[in-house]
Amino acid sequence: MKYRILSDEELQHLEGDLKAFLIINGVHGEEWAKLNQEDPQKAAGISGVVLRSGITNSVRKGPVSRTPHT
């Protein structure tokens, strides 16, 4: 595994990305709930794709500077 498993609190920050991904790919709330219940391993795989993408994008952006550039 390339990255550690995120805590529930950390996952909340990526919830919007997952919802956007599902909407773009035509997966609606009821379908997602059904998939989670009937095939949780597949749902976790889909979530993993979105999370890896979000984490990779965050890493590429690098740390956020809190001091203004002069």
Protein backbone atom coordinates (compact mmCIF):
# COMPACT_ATOMS: atom_id res chain seq x y z
CA MET A 1 0.00 0.00 0.00
CA LYS A 2 1.42 3.33 -1.03
CA TYR A 3 -0.42 5.43 1.57
CA ARG A 4 -1.73 4.72 5.05
CA ILE A 5 -5.45 4.33 5.71
CA LEU A 6 -6.98 7.70 6.58
CA SER A 7 -9.00 8.35 9.70
CA ASP A 8 -12.70 9.23 9.47
CA GLU A 9 -11.83 12.86 10.20
CA GLU A 10 -9.28 12.95 7.37
CA LEU A 11 -11.74 11.28 5.00
CA GLN A 12 -14.30 14.00 5.65
CA HIS A 13 -12.00 16.47 3.91
CA LEU A 14 -12.15 14.38 0.72
CA GLU A 15 -15.89 13.70 0.81
CA GLY A 16 -16.60 16.44 -1.74
CA ASP A 17 -14.09 14.92 -4.18
CA LEU A 18 -15.77 11.51 -3.87
CA LYS A 19 -19.24 12.97 -4.41
CA ALA A 20 -18.05 14.91 -7.47
CA PHE A 21 -16.41 11.77 -8.89
CA LEU A 22 -19.58 9.74 -8.40
CA ILE A 23 -21.81 12.42 -9.95
CA ILE A 24 -19.53 12.84 -12.97
CA ASN A 25 -19.58 9.08 -13.47
CA GLY A 26 -23.36 8.82 -13.15
CA VAL A 27 -23.49 7.08 -9.78
CA HIS A 28 -26.35 8.45 -7.69
CA GLY A 29 -26.80 8.34 -3.91
CA GLU A 30 -29.11 5.32 -3.89
CA GLU A 31 -26.79 3.38 -6.19
CA TRP A 32 -23.77 4.23 -4.04
CA ALA A 33 -25.59 3.13 -0.86
CA LYS A 34 -26.61 -0.14 -2.56
CA LEU A 35 -23.06 -0.76 -3.78
CA ASN A 36 -21.67 -0.09 -0.29
CA GLN A 37 -24.08 -2.62 1.18
CA GLU A 38 -23.91 -5.32 -1.50
CA ASP A 39 -20.25 -5.08 -2.53
CA PRO A 40 -18.29 -3.09 0.06
CA GLN A 41 -14.97 -4.24 -1.40
CA LYS A 42 -15.83 -2.74 -4.80
CA ALA A 43 -17.05 0.47 -3.14
CA ALA A 44 -13.80 0.69 -1.18
CA GLY A 45 -11.87 0.23 -4.43
CA ILE A 46 -13.73 3.12 -6.06
CA SER A 47 -13.19 5.28 -2.99
CA GLY A 48 -9.52 4.35 -3.04
CA VAL A 49 -9.11 5.60 -6.60
CA VAL A 50 -10.60 8.97 -5.65
CA LEU A 51 -8.60 9.21 -2.43
CA ARG A 52 -5.31 8.32 -4.11
CA SER A 53 -5.99 10.94 -6.73
CA GLY A 54 -6.78 13.57 -4.09
CA ILE A 55 -3.75 12.69 -1.99
CA THR A 56 -1.44 12.64 -5.00
CA ASN A 57 -2.72 16.05 -6.11
CA SER A 58 -2.17 17.42 -2.59
CA VAL A 59 1.37 16.06 -2.47
CA ARG A 60 2.18 17.53 -5.89
CA LYS A 61 1.00 20.95 -4.80
CA GLY A 62 3.46 20.83 -1.91
CA PRO A 63 3.22 22.48 1.47
CA VAL A 64 1.24 25.67 1.83
CA SER A 65 3.37 28.65 2.71
CA ARG A 66 1.93 30.73 5.54
CA THR A 67 4.31 33.64 5.06
CA PRO A 68 3.89 36.13 2.24
CA HIS A 69 6.53 36.19 -0.47
CA THR A 70 8.61 39.36 -0.55
